[in-house]
Protein backbone atom coordinates (compact mmCIF):
# COMPACT_ATOMS: atom_id res chain seq x y z
CA UNK A 1 181.68 166.72 98.84
CA UNK A 2 179.81 169.49 100.68
CA UNK A 3 177.16 169.59 97.98
CA UNK A 4 176.54 165.84 98.39
CA UNK A 5 176.22 166.22 102.16
CA UNK A 6 173.95 169.24 101.68
CA UNK A 7 171.68 167.22 99.39
CA UNK A 8 171.61 164.34 101.88
CA UNK A 9 170.74 166.74 104.69
CA UNK A 10 167.93 168.24 102.61
CA UNK A 11 166.62 164.77 101.78
CA UNK A 12 166.74 163.81 105.47
CA UNK A 13 165.06 167.06 106.51
CA UNK A 14 162.38 166.66 103.85
CA UNK A 15 161.53 163.13 104.99
CA UNK A 16 161.46 164.14 108.67
CA UNK A 17 159.36 167.22 107.95
CA UNK A 18 156.96 165.05 105.91
CA UNK A 19 156.69 162.68 108.91
CA UNK A 20 155.91 165.63 111.19
CA UNK A 21 153.25 166.92 108.79
CA UNK A 22 151.71 163.45 108.54
CA UNK A 23 151.64 163.09 112.32
CA UNK A 24 149.96 166.49 112.61
CA UNK A 25 147.39 165.57 109.97
CA UNK A 26 146.60 162.26 111.67
CA UNK A 27 146.25 163.76 115.16
CA UNK A 28 143.28 166.12 115.49
CA UNK A 29 144.25 167.55 118.85
CA UNK A 30 147.33 169.61 118.05
CA UNK A 31 146.98 173.35 118.33
CA UNK A 32 146.33 175.24 115.06
CA UNK A 33 149.31 177.44 115.92
CA UNK A 34 151.61 174.40 115.85
CA UNK A 35 150.18 173.40 112.48
CA UNK A 36 150.84 176.93 111.19
CA UNK A 37 154.40 177.02 112.54
CA UNK A 38 155.24 173.65 110.97
CA UNK A 39 153.70 174.87 107.69
CA UNK A 40 155.98 177.92 107.87
CA UNK A 41 158.94 175.60 108.46
CA UNK A 42 157.96 173.79 105.22
CA UNK A 43 157.67 177.11 103.34
CA UNK A 44 161.10 178.22 104.58
CA UNK A 45 162.54 174.86 103.57
CA UNK A 46 161.06 175.18 100.08
CA UNK A 47 162.46 178.72 99.79
CA UNK A 48 165.96 177.94 101.08
CA UNK A 49 166.49 174.42 99.74
CA UNK A 50 168.10 175.47 96.43
CA UNK A 51 170.67 177.59 98.27
CA UNK A 52 171.32 174.96 100.97
CA UNK A 53 171.73 172.15 98.41
CA UNK A 54 173.83 174.16 96.00
CA UNK A 55 177.55 174.58 95.81
CA UNK A 56 178.98 176.85 98.50
CA UNK A 57 178.17 180.37 97.44
CA UNK A 58 177.18 183.70 98.94
CA UNK A 59 173.81 183.29 100.56
CA UNK A 60 174.14 179.61 101.48
CA UNK A 61 175.08 180.33 105.08
CA UNK A 62 172.21 182.81 105.46
CA UNK A 63 169.81 180.24 104.01
CA UNK A 64 170.90 177.67 106.59
CA UNK A 65 170.42 180.24 109.39
CA UNK A 66 166.98 181.17 108.09
CA UNK A 67 165.97 177.52 107.94
CA UNK A 68 167.36 176.88 111.42
CA UNK A 69 165.27 179.74 112.81
CA UNK A 70 162.12 178.19 111.32
CA UNK A 71 163.18 174.82 112.77
CA UNK A 72 163.67 176.36 116.21
CA UNK A 73 160.21 177.94 116.09
CA UNK A 74 158.61 174.64 115.11
CA UNK A 75 160.47 172.75 117.83
CA UNK A 76 159.44 175.12 120.60
CA UNK A 77 155.85 175.28 119.35
CA UNK A 78 155.67 171.48 119.39
CA UNK A 79 157.19 171.18 122.85
CA UNK A 80 154.91 173.88 124.24
CA UNK A 81 151.68 172.42 122.79
CA UNK A 82 149.96 170.36 125.48
CA UNK A 83 147.69 168.81 122.86
CA UNK A 84 150.48 167.54 120.64
CA UNK A 85 151.18 163.84 120.90
CA UNK A 86 154.61 162.46 121.68
CA UNK A 87 154.82 161.26 118.07
CA UNK A 88 154.27 164.80 116.77
CA UNK A 89 156.79 166.27 119.17
CA UNK A 90 159.44 163.70 118.29
CA UNK A 91 158.83 164.14 114.56
CA UNK A 92 159.17 167.93 114.77
CA UNK A 93 162.28 167.69 116.98
CA UNK A 94 163.81 165.18 114.55
CA UNK A 95 163.25 167.59 111.63
CA UNK A 96 164.72 170.42 113.70
CA UNK A 97 167.76 168.36 114.61
CA UNK A 98 168.59 167.60 110.96
CA UNK A 99 169.20 171.21 110.00
CA UNK A 100 170.69 172.24 113.34
CA UNK A 101 173.20 169.39 113.24
CA UNK A 102 174.17 170.37 109.69
CA UNK A 103 174.60 174.01 110.72
CA UNK A 104 176.73 173.08 113.71
CA UNK A 105 178.87 170.34 112.15
CA UNK A 106 178.49 170.46 108.38
CA UNK A 107 177.52 166.78 108.54
CA UNK A 108 174.49 164.59 108.11
CA UNK A 109 172.79 163.66 111.38
CA UNK A 110 173.59 159.97 111.67
CA UNK A 111 171.35 159.06 114.56
CA UNK A 112 167.63 159.23 115.13
CA UNK A 113 167.64 162.22 117.49
CA UNK A 114 170.42 164.60 118.45
CA UNK A 115 169.02 164.93 121.94
CA UNK A 116 169.03 161.84 124.14
CA UNK A 117 165.43 162.41 125.25
CA UNK A 118 164.00 165.60 123.77
CA UNK A 119 160.77 165.25 125.74
CA UNK A 120 162.39 164.66 129.13
CA UNK A 121 162.15 168.27 130.25
CA UNK A 122 160.13 171.39 129.73
CA UNK A 123 161.41 173.83 127.08
CA UNK A 124 162.80 176.32 129.61
CA UNK A 125 164.60 173.54 131.48
CA UNK A 126 166.21 172.43 128.23
CA UNK A 127 167.80 175.88 127.89
CA UNK A 128 169.57 175.20 131.17
CA UNK A 129 170.81 171.88 129.78
CA UNK A 130 172.04 173.61 126.60
CA UNK A 131 173.81 176.24 128.70
CA UNK A 132 175.55 173.55 130.75
CA UNK A 133 176.60 171.62 127.61
CA UNK A 134 178.15 174.83 126.32
CA UNK A 135 180.06 175.32 129.58
CA UNK A 136 177.89 178.19 130.81
CA UNK A 137 176.60 178.46 134.34
CA UNK A 138 172.87 179.31 134.01
CA UNK A 139 172.59 180.16 137.70
CA UNK A 140 175.26 182.85 137.31
CA UNK A 141 173.13 184.42 134.60
CA UNK A 142 169.94 184.41 136.66
CA UNK A 143 170.04 188.18 137.05
CA UNK A 144 169.97 188.64 133.28
CA UNK A 145 166.78 188.69 131.28
CA UNK A 146 166.98 186.12 128.49
CA UNK A 147 164.46 185.55 125.79
CA UNK A 148 164.35 182.57 123.48
CA UNK A 149 164.69 184.87 120.51
CA UNK A 150 168.11 186.09 121.69
CA UNK A 151 169.55 182.69 122.55
CA UNK A 152 170.89 180.21 120.06
CA UNK A 153 171.21 176.45 120.28
């Protein structure tokens, strides 16, 4: 059963990543850094797909984490790029959400976007929303220094 879900997730991720790449290719305004980060997301997907799709085995969990990290990088690059169109941002976030939903739930993402409105707030503000959804009080942590690389979704 898990293998079937894993294959469905990979198919969904592949189609969403293809849509993001097509949107980037059609738009000429997106930052070259965003293009490079999305290309790295594709490379990580190609590298990890056999392990993610396969039967549960040592290395599958690490492959999902590695792919999620590439997805996170692509998402934040898209949201931070002022030249990226809404279509590009939504396509990248949708690809991101496919693997992150699988990592968190072990299931196929069955709706268009995991976030109600992924473009409604700035990236830093969305960390506050994530903290609140997780039951954390971001104001209580204001004295701490947080970096995106040390926080997880």
